[in-house]
Every structure is written in structure tokens, then in C-alpha cells.
Amino acid sequence: MANTYSSTINALDTYPTQDSLADVVYNIHWGLTAESDQADADGNTYTASSIGTQTVAAADADDYTAFEDLTQEVVEAWLEASDLDVEAIKESLDSQIEEKITPTSVTRQLPTA
């Protein structure tokens, strides 16, 4: 089983001003989705997703990126530099997909008489 991962940046929390800088990002709302290369009987691939927030280091006036110049790549680099354990999240998503493919537990309804 091989999973591919895609991330999204859903929103950014900012301080309107901080130390003469404008729109300073301090918190990132992120999402990470894993998609399996295996499909179910209907041809749909198995997926699992996680969302969260992550605070980031205080802005540095010498290395500041204006809000209007931010890109997904820049913000993802901030996430990678934070203490967010992306590998642990990927492992959790992989486990969720494996559970969907090969369930270890199934919820069933009581048979009707």
C-alpha cells in the first residue's frame, strides 16, 4: 500500500500589527489528507484526513514576509520548522486507511426477527 499526501492551509491567524509589522501570522490552520493507491469495490480510493492548528515562531523583522506575499510553500515551511510532528500524523492517517481496507472491528445492527 502506498499513500500520497496533500496538505492545505485553511486559514491564518494574524496580529493586525506587531513591532511595526502588519498582519503578522502567529497561528496556522492546516489540513493533511492521505489517499491510498487501493480502491474499494466501487472504485473509490481510500482516504483519511486530519486538521489542526499550529502556532509559529514570532516574526523577525529581518526575515519578514508580507502577508500579501505569502504562498502555501512559505507557510508549509513554517509548519516544518515548528514542533508539529508531521510524520506521526502521516502514520496515523496510514493506520486509518489500513483499518478501512482491512477492518479489525465492524459495527452491526441486531438481526430483526
N, C-alpha and C. Protein backbone atom coordinates (compact mmCIF):
# COMPACT_ATOMS: atom_id res chain seq x y z
N MET A 1 0.84 -1.17 0.00
CA MET A 1 0.00 0.00 0.00
C MET A 1 0.89 1.24 0.00
N ALA A 2 0.61 2.13 -0.92
CA ALA A 2 1.33 3.41 -0.97
C ALA A 2 0.32 4.54 -0.90
N ASN A 3 0.53 5.42 0.04
CA ASN A 3 -0.36 6.57 0.19
C ASN A 3 0.34 7.82 -0.30
N THR A 4 -0.45 8.72 -0.86
CA THR A 4 0.05 10.04 -1.22
C THR A 4 -0.60 11.05 -0.29
N TYR A 5 0.09 12.14 -0.04
CA TYR A 5 -0.37 13.12 0.95
C TYR A 5 -0.50 14.49 0.28
N SER A 6 -1.53 15.19 0.69
CA SER A 6 -1.70 16.57 0.23
C SER A 6 -2.07 17.42 1.43
N SER A 7 -1.52 18.61 1.46
CA SER A 7 -1.80 19.50 2.58
C SER A 7 -2.53 20.74 2.09
N THR A 8 -3.27 21.33 3.00
CA THR A 8 -3.96 22.59 2.73
C THR A 8 -3.67 23.54 3.88
N ILE A 9 -3.67 24.79 3.54
CA ILE A 9 -3.61 25.84 4.55
C ILE A 9 -5.00 26.45 4.54
N ASN A 10 -5.76 26.21 5.61
CA ASN A 10 -7.17 26.61 5.65
C ASN A 10 -7.36 28.05 6.09
N ALA A 11 -6.51 28.55 6.95
CA ALA A 11 -6.62 29.93 7.44
C ALA A 11 -5.37 30.28 8.21
N LEU A 12 -5.16 31.57 8.39
CA LEU A 12 -4.03 32.07 9.15
C LEU A 12 -4.54 33.08 10.16
N ASP A 13 -4.17 32.91 11.43
CA ASP A 13 -4.48 33.90 12.44
C ASP A 13 -3.35 34.91 12.45
N THR A 14 -3.70 36.19 12.47
CA THR A 14 -2.68 37.23 12.42
C THR A 14 -2.91 38.28 13.51
N TYR A 15 -1.83 38.93 13.87
CA TYR A 15 -1.91 40.14 14.67
C TYR A 15 -1.97 41.29 13.67
N PRO A 16 -2.93 42.20 13.80
CA PRO A 16 -3.00 43.32 12.85
C PRO A 16 -1.69 44.10 12.77
N THR A 17 -1.08 44.33 13.93
CA THR A 17 0.25 44.96 13.96
C THR A 17 1.03 44.35 15.12
N GLN A 18 2.33 44.23 14.89
CA GLN A 18 3.23 43.74 15.94
C GLN A 18 4.62 44.26 15.63
N ASP A 19 5.17 45.02 16.56
CA ASP A 19 6.52 45.56 16.40
C ASP A 19 6.71 46.24 15.03
N SER A 20 5.80 47.09 14.67
CA SER A 20 5.79 47.86 13.41
C SER A 20 5.57 47.00 12.16
N LEU A 21 5.26 45.73 12.32
CA LEU A 21 4.94 44.87 11.18
C LEU A 21 3.43 44.71 11.08
N ALA A 22 2.92 44.50 9.88
CA ALA A 22 1.47 44.38 9.67
C ALA A 22 1.09 42.94 9.35
N ASP A 23 -0.09 42.54 9.82
CA ASP A 23 -0.65 41.21 9.53
C ASP A 23 0.35 40.09 9.80
N VAL A 24 0.79 40.01 11.02
CA VAL A 24 1.82 39.04 11.42
C VAL A 24 1.15 37.71 11.78
N VAL A 25 1.50 36.67 11.07
CA VAL A 25 0.93 35.34 11.28
C VAL A 25 1.51 34.75 12.57
N TYR A 26 0.61 34.23 13.41
CA TYR A 26 1.07 33.55 14.63
C TYR A 26 0.48 32.15 14.77
N ASN A 27 -0.53 31.81 13.96
CA ASN A 27 -1.18 30.51 14.08
C ASN A 27 -1.66 30.06 12.70
N ILE A 28 -1.41 28.80 12.38
CA ILE A 28 -1.78 28.25 11.08
C ILE A 28 -2.84 27.18 11.27
N HIS A 29 -3.92 27.26 10.52
CA HIS A 29 -4.96 26.23 10.47
C HIS A 29 -4.64 25.37 9.25
N TRP A 30 -4.28 24.12 9.49
CA TRP A 30 -3.81 23.25 8.41
C TRP A 30 -4.69 22.02 8.27
N GLY A 31 -4.55 21.37 7.13
CA GLY A 31 -5.20 20.08 6.88
C GLY A 31 -4.23 19.18 6.14
N LEU A 32 -4.31 17.88 6.42
CA LEU A 32 -3.46 16.90 5.73
C LEU A 32 -4.34 15.71 5.37
N THR A 33 -4.29 15.32 4.10
CA THR A 33 -5.09 14.20 3.60
C THR A 33 -4.16 13.15 3.02
N ALA A 34 -4.46 11.89 3.33
CA ALA A 34 -3.74 10.76 2.74
C ALA A 34 -4.70 10.03 1.82
N GLU A 35 -4.21 9.61 0.67
CA GLU A 35 -5.02 8.85 -0.29
C GLU A 35 -4.26 7.60 -0.68
N SER A 36 -4.95 6.46 -0.57
CA SER A 36 -4.33 5.18 -0.88
C SER A 36 -4.32 4.94 -2.38
N ASP A 37 -3.42 4.09 -2.82
CA ASP A 37 -3.43 3.68 -4.22
C ASP A 37 -4.39 2.50 -4.42
N GLN A 38 -5.03 2.03 -3.35
CA GLN A 38 -6.01 0.95 -3.44
C GLN A 38 -7.41 1.53 -3.48
N ALA A 39 -8.30 0.81 -4.16
CA ALA A 39 -9.68 1.27 -4.28
C ALA A 39 -10.63 0.22 -3.72
N ASP A 40 -11.82 0.70 -3.32
CA ASP A 40 -12.84 -0.22 -2.83
C ASP A 40 -13.58 -0.85 -4.01
N ALA A 41 -14.60 -1.64 -3.73
CA ALA A 41 -15.34 -2.36 -4.78
C ALA A 41 -16.00 -1.41 -5.77
N ASP A 42 -16.28 -0.18 -5.35
CA ASP A 42 -16.90 0.80 -6.24
C ASP A 42 -15.88 1.65 -6.99
N GLY A 43 -14.61 1.38 -6.79
CA GLY A 43 -13.57 2.12 -7.48
C GLY A 43 -13.11 3.40 -6.79
N ASN A 44 -13.59 3.63 -5.57
CA ASN A 44 -13.19 4.82 -4.81
C ASN A 44 -11.94 4.53 -4.00
N THR A 45 -10.99 5.44 -4.05
CA THR A 45 -9.77 5.25 -3.27
C THR A 45 -10.07 5.51 -1.79
N TYR A 46 -9.29 4.90 -0.95
CA TYR A 46 -9.42 5.08 0.49
C TYR A 46 -8.68 6.36 0.89
N THR A 47 -9.33 7.17 1.74
CA THR A 47 -8.71 8.40 2.20
C THR A 47 -8.89 8.56 3.71
N ALA A 48 -8.05 9.38 4.28
CA ALA A 48 -8.16 9.78 5.69
C ALA A 48 -7.61 11.20 5.78
N SER A 49 -8.20 11.99 6.67
CA SER A 49 -7.79 13.39 6.80
C SER A 49 -7.62 13.78 8.25
N SER A 50 -6.80 14.79 8.45
CA SER A 50 -6.60 15.36 9.77
C SER A 50 -6.52 16.88 9.61
N ILE A 51 -7.05 17.59 10.61
CA ILE A 51 -6.93 19.05 10.61
C ILE A 51 -6.39 19.48 11.97
N GLY A 52 -5.83 20.65 12.01
CA GLY A 52 -5.32 21.16 13.28
C GLY A 52 -4.86 22.59 13.15
N THR A 53 -4.34 23.08 14.25
CA THR A 53 -3.74 24.41 14.26
C THR A 53 -2.34 24.29 14.84
N GLN A 54 -1.50 25.20 14.44
CA GLN A 54 -0.12 25.19 14.93
C GLN A 54 0.38 26.62 15.07
N THR A 55 0.84 26.97 16.25
CA THR A 55 1.47 28.27 16.43
C THR A 55 2.85 28.25 15.79
N VAL A 56 3.27 29.41 15.35
CA VAL A 56 4.58 29.51 14.70
C VAL A 56 5.42 30.54 15.44
N ALA A 57 6.69 30.51 15.17
CA ALA A 57 7.64 31.40 15.84
C ALA A 57 7.29 32.86 15.59
N ALA A 58 7.66 33.69 16.53
CA ALA A 58 7.41 35.12 16.40
C ALA A 58 8.09 35.67 15.16
N ALA A 59 7.46 36.66 14.58
CA ALA A 59 8.01 37.28 13.37
C ALA A 59 9.34 37.96 13.66
N ASP A 60 10.23 37.89 12.70
CA ASP A 60 11.53 38.53 12.79
C ASP A 60 11.56 39.63 11.72
N ALA A 61 11.73 40.87 12.13
CA ALA A 61 11.70 41.99 11.19
C ALA A 61 12.74 41.84 10.08
N ASP A 62 13.85 41.16 10.37
CA ASP A 62 14.90 40.98 9.36
C ASP A 62 14.57 39.89 8.35
N ASP A 63 13.59 39.04 8.67
CA ASP A 63 13.23 37.92 7.79
C ASP A 63 11.71 37.84 7.68
N TYR A 64 11.07 38.98 7.47
CA TYR A 64 9.62 39.09 7.46
C TYR A 64 9.09 38.99 6.04
N THR A 65 8.04 38.18 5.86
CA THR A 65 7.35 38.10 4.58
C THR A 65 6.00 38.77 4.72
N ALA A 66 5.76 39.78 3.90
CA ALA A 66 4.48 40.50 3.96
C ALA A 66 3.34 39.53 3.68
N PHE A 67 2.22 39.75 4.35
CA PHE A 67 1.08 38.84 4.23
C PHE A 67 0.70 38.61 2.78
N GLU A 68 0.64 39.66 1.99
CA GLU A 68 0.22 39.53 0.59
C GLU A 68 1.21 38.74 -0.26
N ASP A 69 2.41 38.50 0.26
CA ASP A 69 3.42 37.74 -0.46
C ASP A 69 3.51 36.28 -0.01
N LEU A 70 2.68 35.89 0.95
CA LEU A 70 2.72 34.51 1.44
C LEU A 70 2.21 33.54 0.39
N THR A 71 2.82 32.37 0.36
CA THR A 71 2.38 31.27 -0.51
C THR A 71 2.23 30.02 0.34
N GLN A 72 1.60 29.02 -0.21
CA GLN A 72 1.46 27.76 0.51
C GLN A 72 2.83 27.21 0.87
N GLU A 73 3.79 27.31 -0.03
CA GLU A 73 5.13 26.78 0.22
C GLU A 73 5.78 27.47 1.41
N VAL A 74 5.63 28.79 1.52
CA VAL A 74 6.23 29.53 2.63
C VAL A 74 5.61 29.08 3.95
N VAL A 75 4.27 28.98 3.98
CA VAL A 75 3.59 28.62 5.21
C VAL A 75 3.89 27.16 5.58
N GLU A 76 3.96 26.27 4.59
CA GLU A 76 4.33 24.88 4.88
C GLU A 76 5.74 24.80 5.47
N ALA A 77 6.63 25.65 5.01
CA ALA A 77 7.99 25.66 5.57
C ALA A 77 7.95 26.08 7.04
N TRP A 78 7.06 27.01 7.38
CA TRP A 78 6.91 27.39 8.79
C TRP A 78 6.42 26.21 9.60
N LEU A 79 5.47 25.45 9.04
CA LEU A 79 4.97 24.26 9.75
C LEU A 79 6.09 23.25 9.97
N GLU A 80 6.90 23.03 8.94
CA GLU A 80 8.01 22.09 9.05
C GLU A 80 9.02 22.54 10.10
N ALA A 81 9.18 23.85 10.25
CA ALA A 81 10.13 24.38 11.23
C ALA A 81 9.56 24.39 12.64
N SER A 82 8.26 24.19 12.76
CA SER A 82 7.62 24.18 14.09
C SER A 82 7.79 22.80 14.71
N ASP A 83 7.16 22.62 15.89
CA ASP A 83 7.25 21.31 16.54
C ASP A 83 6.11 20.38 16.15
N LEU A 84 5.39 20.70 15.08
CA LEU A 84 4.34 19.82 14.57
C LEU A 84 4.97 18.53 14.05
N ASP A 85 4.51 17.38 14.53
CA ASP A 85 5.09 16.09 14.14
C ASP A 85 4.33 15.54 12.92
N VAL A 86 4.70 16.02 11.75
CA VAL A 86 4.02 15.64 10.52
C VAL A 86 4.14 14.14 10.27
N GLU A 87 5.27 13.56 10.58
CA GLU A 87 5.45 12.11 10.35
C GLU A 87 4.48 11.30 11.21
N ALA A 88 4.25 11.70 12.44
CA ALA A 88 3.30 11.00 13.31
C ALA A 88 1.88 11.14 12.77
N ILE A 89 1.56 12.30 12.23
CA ILE A 89 0.23 12.49 11.64
C ILE A 89 0.06 11.60 10.42
N LYS A 90 1.08 11.52 9.58
CA LYS A 90 1.03 10.64 8.41
C LYS A 90 0.87 9.18 8.83
N GLU A 91 1.58 8.76 9.87
CA GLU A 91 1.45 7.39 10.36
C GLU A 91 0.03 7.12 10.84
N SER A 92 -0.58 8.08 11.51
CA SER A 92 -1.96 7.94 11.97
C SER A 92 -2.92 7.82 10.79
N LEU A 93 -2.72 8.64 9.77
CA LEU A 93 -3.57 8.57 8.58
C LEU A 93 -3.39 7.23 7.87
N ASP A 94 -2.15 6.75 7.79
CA ASP A 94 -1.89 5.44 7.19
C ASP A 94 -2.64 4.34 7.95
N SER A 95 -2.62 4.42 9.27
CA SER A 95 -3.32 3.42 10.10
C SER A 95 -4.83 3.48 9.86
N GLN A 96 -5.37 4.68 9.74
CA GLN A 96 -6.80 4.83 9.48
C GLN A 96 -7.19 4.22 8.14
N ILE A 97 -6.36 4.43 7.13
CA ILE A 97 -6.64 3.84 5.82
C ILE A 97 -6.53 2.33 5.89
N GLU A 98 -5.50 1.82 6.56
CA GLU A 98 -5.35 0.37 6.69
C GLU A 98 -6.56 -0.24 7.39
N GLU A 99 -7.10 0.45 8.40
CA GLU A 99 -8.29 -0.03 9.11
C GLU A 99 -9.50 -0.06 8.19
N LYS A 100 -9.58 0.88 7.27
CA LYS A 100 -10.69 0.89 6.29
C LYS A 100 -10.55 -0.27 5.30
N ILE A 101 -9.31 -0.55 4.90
CA ILE A 101 -9.07 -1.62 3.92
C ILE A 101 -9.26 -2.99 4.56
N THR A 102 -8.71 -3.15 5.76
CA THR A 102 -8.77 -4.42 6.47
C THR A 102 -9.28 -4.15 7.88
N PRO A 103 -10.59 -4.02 8.06
CA PRO A 103 -11.13 -3.66 9.37
C PRO A 103 -10.84 -4.73 10.43
N THR A 104 -10.53 -4.25 11.64
CA THR A 104 -10.34 -5.16 12.77
C THR A 104 -11.60 -5.20 13.63
N SER A 105 -12.56 -4.34 13.34
CA SER A 105 -13.82 -4.28 14.07
C SER A 105 -14.90 -3.75 13.12
N VAL A 106 -16.10 -4.33 13.24
CA VAL A 106 -17.22 -3.90 12.40
C VAL A 106 -18.45 -3.73 13.29
N THR A 107 -19.15 -2.62 13.15
CA THR A 107 -20.38 -2.38 13.89
C THR A 107 -21.55 -2.91 13.06
N ARG A 108 -22.40 -3.71 13.71
CA ARG A 108 -23.52 -4.34 13.00
C ARG A 108 -24.80 -4.10 13.78
N GLN A 109 -25.91 -4.14 13.08
CA GLN A 109 -27.22 -4.00 13.70
C GLN A 109 -27.72 -5.35 14.18
N LEU A 110 -28.54 -5.34 15.21
CA LEU A 110 -29.17 -6.54 15.72
C LEU A 110 -30.08 -7.12 14.65
N PRO A 111 -30.01 -8.41 14.41
CA PRO A 111 -30.91 -9.00 13.39
C PRO A 111 -32.37 -8.83 13.80
N THR A 112 -33.20 -8.59 12.81
CA THR A 112 -34.63 -8.47 13.08
C THR A 112 -35.28 -9.83 12.93
N ALA A 113 -36.28 -10.08 13.77
CA ALA A 113 -36.95 -11.38 13.75
C ALA A 113 -38.05 -11.43 12.73
